[in-house]
N, C-alpha and C. Protein backbone atom coordinates (compact mmCIF):
# COMPACT_ATOMS: atom_id res chain seq x y z
N MET A 1 12.61 109.12 115.80
CA MET A 1 13.83 108.69 115.20
C MET A 1 15.02 109.55 115.79
N THR A 2 16.03 108.86 116.20
CA THR A 2 17.18 109.58 116.78
C THR A 2 18.28 109.66 115.71
N ALA A 3 19.10 110.68 115.84
CA ALA A 3 20.24 110.89 114.91
C ALA A 3 21.34 109.86 115.22
N ALA A 4 22.05 109.50 114.21
CA ALA A 4 23.19 108.58 114.41
C ALA A 4 24.46 109.31 113.97
N LEU A 5 25.47 109.19 114.77
CA LEU A 5 26.75 109.77 114.45
C LEU A 5 27.52 108.80 113.53
N ILE A 6 27.99 109.32 112.41
CA ILE A 6 28.68 108.49 111.45
C ILE A 6 30.18 108.90 111.45
N ASP A 7 31.05 107.90 111.48
CA ASP A 7 32.47 108.15 111.40
C ASP A 7 32.84 108.24 109.92
N GLY A 8 32.90 109.42 109.44
CA GLY A 8 33.16 109.67 108.00
C GLY A 8 34.44 109.08 107.50
N LYS A 9 35.54 109.19 108.25
CA LYS A 9 36.80 108.66 107.83
C LYS A 9 36.78 107.14 107.66
N ALA A 10 36.17 106.47 108.64
CA ALA A 10 36.04 105.01 108.56
C ALA A 10 35.16 104.58 107.46
N PHE A 11 34.05 105.30 107.22
CA PHE A 11 33.16 104.98 106.12
C PHE A 11 33.90 105.18 104.80
N ALA A 12 34.60 106.24 104.62
CA ALA A 12 35.37 106.49 103.38
C ALA A 12 36.40 105.49 103.16
N ALA A 13 37.13 105.02 104.20
CA ALA A 13 38.14 104.01 104.02
C ALA A 13 37.50 102.75 103.56
N GLY A 14 36.41 102.31 104.11
CA GLY A 14 35.71 101.09 103.71
C GLY A 14 35.22 101.18 102.30
N LEU A 15 34.70 102.34 101.94
CA LEU A 15 34.19 102.54 100.56
C LEU A 15 35.31 102.49 99.57
N ARG A 16 36.44 103.13 99.85
CA ARG A 16 37.60 103.03 98.99
C ARG A 16 38.11 101.58 98.81
N ALA A 17 38.06 100.81 99.88
CA ALA A 17 38.53 99.43 99.81
C ALA A 17 37.58 98.62 98.91
N ARG A 18 36.26 98.84 99.06
CA ARG A 18 35.30 98.10 98.25
C ARG A 18 35.45 98.49 96.77
N ILE A 19 35.67 99.75 96.50
CA ILE A 19 35.77 100.24 95.10
C ILE A 19 37.09 99.67 94.54
N ALA A 20 38.18 99.65 95.28
CA ALA A 20 39.44 99.16 94.81
C ALA A 20 39.32 97.72 94.40
N THR A 21 38.59 96.90 95.14
CA THR A 21 38.38 95.50 94.81
C THR A 21 37.63 95.39 93.48
N ARG A 22 36.59 96.18 93.31
CA ARG A 22 35.82 96.11 92.06
C ARG A 22 36.57 96.64 90.89
N VAL A 23 37.38 97.65 91.08
CA VAL A 23 38.24 98.18 90.00
C VAL A 23 39.28 97.13 89.56
N ALA A 24 39.88 96.45 90.54
CA ALA A 24 40.86 95.41 90.18
C ALA A 24 40.19 94.29 89.39
N ALA A 25 38.98 93.93 89.80
CA ALA A 25 38.28 92.90 89.00
C ALA A 25 37.94 93.35 87.64
N PHE A 26 37.53 94.63 87.47
CA PHE A 26 37.24 95.17 86.16
C PHE A 26 38.47 95.20 85.29
N VAL A 27 39.58 95.62 85.80
CA VAL A 27 40.83 95.70 85.07
C VAL A 27 41.21 94.27 84.63
N GLY A 28 41.05 93.30 85.51
CA GLY A 28 41.33 91.92 85.16
C GLY A 28 40.48 91.37 83.99
N GLN A 29 39.22 91.79 83.95
CA GLN A 29 38.33 91.33 82.90
C GLN A 29 38.49 92.13 81.63
N ALA A 30 38.48 93.44 81.76
CA ALA A 30 38.44 94.33 80.56
C ALA A 30 39.84 94.67 80.06
N GLY A 31 40.85 94.54 80.93
CA GLY A 31 42.19 94.90 80.48
C GLY A 31 42.45 96.41 80.48
N ARG A 32 41.60 97.15 81.07
CA ARG A 32 41.78 98.61 81.12
C ARG A 32 41.07 99.13 82.39
N ALA A 33 41.46 100.33 82.79
CA ALA A 33 40.86 100.94 83.96
C ALA A 33 39.53 101.57 83.59
N PRO A 34 38.55 101.54 84.50
CA PRO A 34 37.29 102.23 84.22
C PRO A 34 37.50 103.74 84.11
N GLY A 35 36.59 104.40 83.40
CA GLY A 35 36.69 105.81 83.19
C GLY A 35 35.32 106.49 83.41
N LEU A 36 35.33 107.76 83.30
CA LEU A 36 34.13 108.56 83.48
C LEU A 36 34.02 109.51 82.29
N ALA A 37 32.87 109.63 81.69
CA ALA A 37 32.63 110.50 80.58
C ALA A 37 31.40 111.38 80.87
N VAL A 38 31.43 112.59 80.35
CA VAL A 38 30.34 113.51 80.47
C VAL A 38 29.90 113.93 79.09
N VAL A 39 28.60 113.81 78.81
CA VAL A 39 28.07 114.29 77.53
C VAL A 39 27.15 115.45 77.77
N LEU A 40 27.51 116.65 77.20
CA LEU A 40 26.70 117.79 77.29
C LEU A 40 25.82 117.90 76.06
N VAL A 41 24.51 118.01 76.28
CA VAL A 41 23.59 118.08 75.21
C VAL A 41 22.76 119.36 75.32
N GLY A 42 22.58 120.03 74.21
CA GLY A 42 21.80 121.26 74.23
C GLY A 42 22.66 122.49 74.14
N GLY A 43 22.00 123.64 74.13
CA GLY A 43 22.70 124.90 73.96
C GLY A 43 22.71 125.78 75.16
N ARG A 44 22.80 125.24 76.35
CA ARG A 44 22.79 126.07 77.55
C ARG A 44 24.11 126.80 77.65
N SER A 45 24.09 128.10 77.53
CA SER A 45 25.33 128.87 77.59
C SER A 45 25.94 128.88 79.00
N GLY A 46 25.20 128.64 80.03
CA GLY A 46 25.72 128.60 81.36
C GLY A 46 26.67 127.45 81.64
N LEU A 47 26.63 126.44 80.81
CA LEU A 47 27.51 125.29 81.00
C LEU A 47 28.79 125.47 80.25
N GLY A 48 29.03 126.51 79.49
CA GLY A 48 30.21 126.72 78.71
C GLY A 48 31.46 126.76 79.53
N GLY A 49 31.40 127.26 80.72
CA GLY A 49 32.59 127.35 81.56
C GLY A 49 33.02 126.03 82.16
N LEU A 50 32.22 124.97 82.04
CA LEU A 50 32.58 123.67 82.62
C LEU A 50 33.41 122.81 81.73
N ARG A 51 33.47 123.15 80.46
CA ARG A 51 34.25 122.31 79.53
C ARG A 51 35.37 123.10 78.91
N PRO A 52 36.47 122.45 78.66
CA PRO A 52 37.59 123.19 78.04
C PRO A 52 37.26 123.69 76.66
N GLN A 53 37.77 124.84 76.31
CA GLN A 53 37.49 125.46 75.02
C GLN A 53 38.42 124.98 73.95
């Protein structure tokens, strides 16, 4: 198997375009922009610095 050189900037531009199309469709259907949520479960003290106090 040989290595393939990937044009990262071109790949990122194409990915952003595909995501923008899907986000626009979601906003049209749901009437709001998509979001991201993180749920921390458990008592791991090492994660305390990742969330605002």
